[in-house]
Amino acid sequence: MWRDAAATVPNVKPALLAHPGFTARFANDLRQHGLRVPLTAKAELFARAVALGSEIVWLHCYGERFINPKLGRPAGPPRMPAGTGPTISAGAAIPGAPELLPDDMEYDVAGRRLRIGRGFVDNVPSAVVAYEVSGRNVLRQWFSYRKRDRTRPVIGDRRPPSPLDRIQPDHWLP
């Protein structure tokens, strides 16, 4: 059964190295490059952080590591409880060939509907739409590689795009 990892271990913040509280508190120390993993001397807090880390590894490894059915981590890919996950109903699929890729994605909070081009996904939790990693919205990032206009923003050292970037699908599969 899939659960919100942060909800299982109260008072432990996920994404510790990128959490705004961590980066604000240790801003001066973080000016020099490198990873710094804070450790606590409090045994109970450390145990909760280990429990959260185990669940996160289980999630990221699709249920192949840190399996523990007693803690809700069965073997196999994590799944939401039946009837609670996102669904694509008949006629709602994102059109495939011969239509072009969609160029827009919008979320209706009240209806919990994610519209992608002319298709849509129902029962999408707002937490999924808002989920970020290192300050980047995961869903928007995912869509940016699957939409019609995939012009990449200039980032980092401003390297020219690779010729491989031009090899792109021209439609979504059914």
C-alpha atoms as a PDB file:
ATOM      1  CA  MET A   1       0.000   0.000   0.000  1.00  0.00           C
ATOM      2  CA  TRP A   2       1.467   3.352  -1.042  1.00  0.00           C
ATOM      3  CA  ARG A   3       1.523   6.048   1.595  1.00  0.00           C
ATOM      4  CA  ASP A   4       2.921   9.525   1.940  1.00  0.00           C
ATOM      5  CA  ALA A   5       6.408   8.875   3.292  1.00  0.00           C
ATOM      6  CA  ALA A   6       6.483  12.129   5.246  1.00  0.00           C
ATOM      7  CA  ALA A   7       3.228  11.247   6.988  1.00  0.00           C
ATOM      8  CA  THR A   8       4.642   7.992   8.348  1.00  0.00           C
ATOM      9  CA  VAL A   9       7.458   9.612  10.273  1.00  0.00           C
ATOM     10  CA  PRO A  10       6.236  12.811  11.932  1.00  0.00           C
ATOM     11  CA  ASN A  11       8.590  15.749  12.429  1.00  0.00           C
ATOM     12  CA  VAL A  12      11.177  14.449   9.955  1.00  0.00           C
ATOM     13  CA  LYS A  13      11.466  16.603   6.856  1.00  0.00           C
ATOM     14  CA  PRO A  14      11.953  14.764   3.553  1.00  0.00           C
ATOM     15  CA  ALA A  15      14.624  16.002   1.146  1.00  0.00           C
ATOM     16  CA  LEU A  16      16.770  17.092   4.052  1.00  0.00           C
ATOM     17  CA  LEU A  17      19.661  18.396   1.957  1.00  0.00           C
ATOM     18  CA  ALA A  18      17.379  20.638  -0.097  1.00  0.00           C
ATOM     19  CA  HIS A  19      14.798  21.527   2.535  1.00  0.00           C
ATOM     20  CA  PRO A  20      14.384  25.324   2.748  1.00  0.00           C
ATOM     21  CA  GLY A  21      14.758  25.239   6.544  1.00  0.00           C
ATOM     22  CA  PHE A  22      18.087  23.428   6.275  1.00  0.00           C
ATOM     23  CA  THR A  23      19.473  25.703   3.565  1.00  0.00           C
ATOM     24  CA  ALA A  24      18.325  28.860   5.405  1.00  0.00           C
ATOM     25  CA  ARG A  25      19.761  27.769   8.760  1.00  0.00           C
ATOM     26  CA  PHE A  26      23.115  26.729   7.301  1.00  0.00           C
ATOM     27  CA  ALA A  27      23.413  29.277   4.471  1.00  0.00           C
ATOM     28  CA  ASN A  28      26.887  30.443   5.532  1.00  0.00           C
ATOM     29  CA  ASP A  29      28.211  26.888   5.760  1.00  0.00           C
ATOM     30  CA  LEU A  30      26.699  25.943   2.397  1.00  0.00           C
ATOM     31  CA  ARG A  31      28.557  28.618   0.431  1.00  0.00           C
ATOM     32  CA  GLN A  32      31.424  26.187  -0.085  1.00  0.00           C
ATOM     33  CA  HIS A  33      30.536  23.358  -2.500  1.00  0.00           C
ATOM     34  CA  GLY A  34      29.884  19.852  -1.235  1.00  0.00           C
ATOM     35  CA  LEU A  35      27.182  17.801   0.449  1.00  0.00           C
ATOM     36  CA  ARG A  36      26.618  18.074   4.160  1.00  0.00           C
ATOM     37  CA  VAL A  37      24.375  15.551   5.823  1.00  0.00           C
ATOM     38  CA  PRO A  38      23.261  16.667   9.272  1.00  0.00           C
ATOM     39  CA  LEU A  39      23.196  13.987  11.956  1.00  0.00           C
ATOM     40  CA  THR A  40      21.435  14.210  15.264  1.00  0.00           C
ATOM     41  CA  ALA A  41      22.589  12.988  18.650  1.00  0.00           C
ATOM     42  CA  LYS A  42      18.953  12.234  19.550  1.00  0.00           C
ATOM     43  CA  ALA A  43      18.472   8.473  19.118  1.00  0.00           C
ATOM     44  CA  GLU A  44      14.687   8.693  18.655  1.00  0.00           C
ATOM     45  CA  LEU A  45      14.958  11.352  15.947  1.00  0.00           C
ATOM     46  CA  PHE A  46      17.714   9.366  14.200  1.00  0.00           C
ATOM     47  CA  ALA A  47      15.537   6.205  14.268  1.00  0.00           C
ATOM     48  CA  ARG A  48      12.626   8.132  12.707  1.00  0.00           C
ATOM     49  CA  ALA A  49      14.914   9.504  10.003  1.00  0.00           C
ATOM     50  CA  VAL A  50      16.170   5.967   9.264  1.00  0.00           C
ATOM     51  CA  ALA A  51      12.567   4.737   9.026  1.00  0.00           C
ATOM     52  CA  LEU A  52      11.704   7.523   6.605  1.00  0.00           C
ATOM     53  CA  GLY A  53      14.849   6.841   4.572  1.00  0.00           C
ATOM     54  CA  SER A  54      13.958   3.154   4.366  1.00  0.00           C
ATOM     55  CA  GLU A  55      10.523   3.980   3.005  1.00  0.00           C
ATOM     56  CA  ILE A  56      11.971   6.415   0.483  1.00  0.00           C
ATOM     57  CA  VAL A  57      14.480   3.820  -0.761  1.00  0.00           C
ATOM     58  CA  TRP A  58      11.621   1.282  -0.998  1.00  0.00           C
ATOM     59  CA  LEU A  59       9.617   3.758  -3.096  1.00  0.00           C
ATOM     60  CA  HIS A  60      12.531   4.709  -5.357  1.00  0.00           C
ATOM     61  CA  CYS A  61      13.538   1.070  -5.894  1.00  0.00           C
ATOM     62  CA  TYR A  62       9.977   0.086  -6.844  1.00  0.00           C
ATOM     63  CA  GLY A  63       9.617  -2.225  -3.883  1.00  0.00           C
ATOM     64  CA  GLU A  64      12.792  -4.229  -4.488  1.00  0.00           C
ATOM     65  CA  ARG A  65      14.723  -3.001  -1.423  1.00  0.00           C
ATOM     66  CA  PHE A  66      13.730  -2.417   2.222  1.00  0.00           C
ATOM     67  CA  ILE A  67      10.698  -4.690   1.862  1.00  0.00           C
ATOM     68  CA  ASN A  68       8.719  -4.893   5.101  1.00  0.00           C
ATOM     69  CA  PRO A  69       5.042  -5.872   4.766  1.00  0.00           C
ATOM     70  CA  LYS A  70       4.444  -5.149   8.469  1.00  0.00           C
ATOM     71  CA  LEU A  71       5.330  -1.509   7.801  1.00  0.00           C
ATOM     72  CA  GLY A  72       3.256  -1.322   4.609  1.00  0.00           C
ATOM     73  CA  ARG A  73       6.191  -1.943   2.254  1.00  0.00           C
ATOM     74  CA  PRO A  74       5.351  -5.143   0.330  1.00  0.00           C
ATOM     75  CA  ALA A  75       7.546  -6.590  -2.399  1.00  0.00           C
ATOM     76  CA  GLY A  76       6.815  -5.094  -5.802  1.00  0.00           C
ATOM     77  CA  PRO A  77       6.067  -1.651  -7.169  1.00  0.00           C
ATOM     78  CA  PRO A  78       4.265   0.646  -4.716  1.00  0.00           C
ATOM     79  CA  ARG A  79       0.603   1.154  -5.514  1.00  0.00           C
ATOM     80  CA  MET A  80      -2.060   3.470  -4.191  1.00  0.00           C
ATOM     81  CA  PRO A  81      -5.064   1.788  -2.580  1.00  0.00           C
ATOM     82  CA  ALA A  82      -7.628   0.628  -5.160  1.00  0.00           C
ATOM     83  CA  GLY A  83      -9.936   3.402  -6.302  1.00  0.00           C
ATOM     84  CA  THR A  84      -7.782   6.238  -4.955  1.00  0.00           C
ATOM     85  CA  GLY A  85      -5.286   6.721  -7.777  1.00  0.00           C
ATOM     86  CA  PRO A  86      -5.461   8.821 -10.912  1.00  0.00           C
ATOM     87  CA  THR A  87      -7.586   7.428 -13.757  1.00  0.00           C
ATOM     88  CA  ILE A  88      -8.000   8.028 -17.459  1.00  0.00           C
ATOM     89  CA  SER A  89     -11.593   7.342 -18.486  1.00  0.00           C
ATOM     90  CA  ALA A  90     -12.765   6.297 -21.939  1.00  0.00           C
ATOM     91  CA  GLY A  91     -12.478   9.202 -24.323  1.00  0.00           C
ATOM     92  CA  ALA A  92     -10.126  11.125 -22.033  1.00  0.00           C
ATOM     93  CA  ALA A  93      -6.836   9.752 -23.346  1.00  0.00           C
ATOM     94  CA  ILE A  94      -4.286  12.196 -24.657  1.00  0.00           C
ATOM     95  CA  PRO A  95      -4.689  11.963 -28.430  1.00  0.00           C
ATOM     96  CA  GLY A  96      -1.948  10.048 -30.229  1.00  0.00           C
ATOM     97  CA  ALA A  97      -1.064   9.863 -33.911  1.00  0.00           C
ATOM     98  CA  PRO A  98      -1.833  11.520 -36.207  1.00  0.00           C
ATOM     99  CA  GLU A  99      -2.356  14.475 -33.832  1.00  0.00           C
ATOM    100  CA  LEU A 100       0.610  16.517 -32.745  1.00  0.00           C
ATOM    101  CA  LEU A 101       1.916  16.446 -29.225  1.00  0.00           C
ATOM    102  CA  PRO A 102       0.001  18.649 -26.771  1.00  0.00           C
ATOM    103  CA  ASP A 103       1.501  21.972 -25.781  1.00  0.00           C
ATOM    104  CA  ASP A 104      -0.420  22.798 -22.636  1.00  0.00           C
ATOM    105  CA  MET A 105      -1.141  21.251 -19.274  1.00  0.00           C
ATOM    106  CA  GLU A 106      -3.553  22.674 -16.673  1.00  0.00           C
ATOM    107  CA  TYR A 107      -4.833  21.488 -13.323  1.00  0.00           C
ATOM    108  CA  ASP A 108      -8.377  21.993 -12.011  1.00  0.00           C
ATOM    109  CA  VAL A 109      -8.042  21.935  -8.215  1.00  0.00           C
ATOM    110  CA  ALA A 110     -11.776  21.599  -7.493  1.00  0.00           C
ATOM    111  CA  GLY A 111     -12.281  18.782  -9.994  1.00  0.00           C
ATOM    112  CA  ARG A 112      -8.870  17.155  -9.321  1.00  0.00           C
ATOM    113  CA  ARG A 113      -8.455  16.928 -13.088  1.00  0.00           C
ATOM    114  CA  LEU A 114      -5.157  17.300 -14.931  1.00  0.00           C
ATOM    115  CA  ARG A 115      -5.775  18.343 -18.513  1.00  0.00           C
ATOM    116  CA  ILE A 116      -2.993  17.602 -21.011  1.00  0.00           C
ATOM    117  CA  GLY A 117      -3.846  18.969 -24.430  1.00  0.00           C
ATOM    118  CA  ARG A 118      -7.255  17.537 -25.317  1.00  0.00           C
ATOM    119  CA  GLY A 119      -6.960  14.611 -22.899  1.00  0.00           C
ATOM    120  CA  PHE A 120      -7.210  14.501 -19.133  1.00  0.00           C
ATOM    121  CA  VAL A 121      -6.461  12.479 -16.031  1.00  0.00           C
ATOM    122  CA  ASP A 122      -9.021  12.449 -13.200  1.00  0.00           C
ATOM    123  CA  ASN A 123      -8.540  12.013  -9.453  1.00  0.00           C
ATOM    124  CA  VAL A 124      -5.107  13.646  -9.405  1.00  0.00           C
ATOM    125  CA  PRO A 125      -4.232  14.805  -5.873  1.00  0.00           C
ATOM    126  CA  SER A 126      -3.099  18.425  -5.641  1.00  0.00           C
ATOM    127  CA  ALA A 127       0.012  17.190  -3.792  1.00  0.00           C
ATOM    128  CA  VAL A 128       1.066  15.357  -6.965  1.00  0.00           C
ATOM    129  CA  VAL A 129       0.708  18.517  -9.038  1.00  0.00           C
ATOM    130  CA  ALA A 130       2.597  20.604  -6.460  1.00  0.00           C
ATOM    131  CA  TYR A 131       5.405  18.076  -5.798  1.00  0.00           C
ATOM    132  CA  GLU A 132       8.879  19.553  -6.176  1.00  0.00           C
ATOM    133  CA  VAL A 133      12.415  18.244  -5.988  1.00  0.00           C
ATOM    134  CA  SER A 134      15.188  20.775  -5.443  1.00  0.00           C
ATOM    135  CA  GLY A 135      12.783  23.607  -6.223  1.00  0.00           C
ATOM    136  CA  ARG A 136      11.614  22.140  -9.545  1.00  0.00           C
ATOM    137  CA  ASN A 137       8.055  21.008 -10.133  1.00  0.00           C
ATOM    138  CA  VAL A 138       8.322  17.329 -11.117  1.00  0.00           C
ATOM    139  CA  LEU A 139       5.131  17.194 -13.188  1.00  0.00           C
ATOM    140  CA  ARG A 140       5.968  20.336 -15.168  1.00  0.00           C
ATOM    141  CA  GLN A 141       9.500  19.009 -15.756  1.00  0.00           C
ATOM    142  CA  TRP A 142       8.103  15.654 -16.924  1.00  0.00           C
ATOM    143  CA  PHE A 143       5.697  17.391 -19.307  1.00  0.00           C
ATOM    144  CA  SER A 144       8.399  19.698 -20.700  1.00  0.00           C
ATOM    145  CA  TYR A 145      10.027  16.646 -22.311  1.00  0.00           C
ATOM    146  CA  ARG A 146       6.735  15.388 -23.762  1.00  0.00           C
ATOM    147  CA  LYS A 147       5.102  18.466 -25.228  1.00  0.00           C
ATOM    148  CA  ARG A 148       5.177  19.835 -28.755  1.00  0.00           C
ATOM    149  CA  ASP A 149       7.525  22.754 -28.019  1.00  0.00           C
ATOM    150  CA  ARG A 150      10.493  21.205 -26.214  1.00  0.00           C
ATOM    151  CA  THR A 151      12.765  24.178 -26.574  1.00  0.00           C
ATOM    152  CA  ARG A 152      15.232  23.785 -23.759  1.00  0.00           C
ATOM    153  CA  PRO A 153      16.070  26.773 -21.610  1.00  0.00           C
ATOM    154  CA  VAL A 154      19.673  27.853 -21.492  1.00  0.00           C
ATOM    155  CA  ILE A 155      21.129  26.488 -18.254  1.00  0.00           C
ATOM    156  CA  GLY A 156      24.462  25.846 -16.651  1.00  0.00           C
ATOM    157  CA  ASP A 157      27.495  26.380 -18.826  1.00  0.00           C
ATOM    158  CA  ARG A 158      25.357  27.220 -21.880  1.00  0.00           C
ATOM    159  CA  ARG A 159      26.530  24.232 -23.920  1.00  0.00           C
ATOM    160  CA  PRO A 160      25.051  23.995 -27.386  1.00  0.00           C
ATOM    161  CA  PRO A 161      22.301  21.385 -27.698  1.00  0.00           C
ATOM    162  CA  SER A 162      23.291  17.920 -28.815  1.00  0.00           C
ATOM    163  CA  PRO A 163      22.150  16.686 -32.245  1.00  0.00           C
ATOM    164  CA  LEU A 164      20.515  13.848 -30.297  1.00  0.00           C
ATOM    165  CA  ASP A 165      18.045  16.400 -28.913  1.00  0.00           C
ATOM    166  CA  ARG A 166      16.463  16.545 -32.375  1.00  0.00           C
ATOM    167  CA  ILE A 167      15.468  12.862 -32.193  1.00  0.00           C
ATOM    168  CA  GLN A 168      12.034  13.209 -30.647  1.00  0.00           C
ATOM    169  CA  PRO A 169       8.700  11.407 -30.928  1.00  0.00           C
ATOM    170  CA  ASP A 170       6.101  13.235 -32.996  1.00  0.00           C
ATOM    171  CA  HIS A 171       3.043  11.940 -31.075  1.00  0.00           C
ATOM    172  CA  TRP A 172       2.012  10.280 -27.828  1.00  0.00           C
ATOM    173  CA  LEU A 173       1.452   6.564 -27.862  1.00  0.00           C
ATOM    174  CA  PRO A 174      -2.073   5.369 -26.959  1.00  0.00           C
END
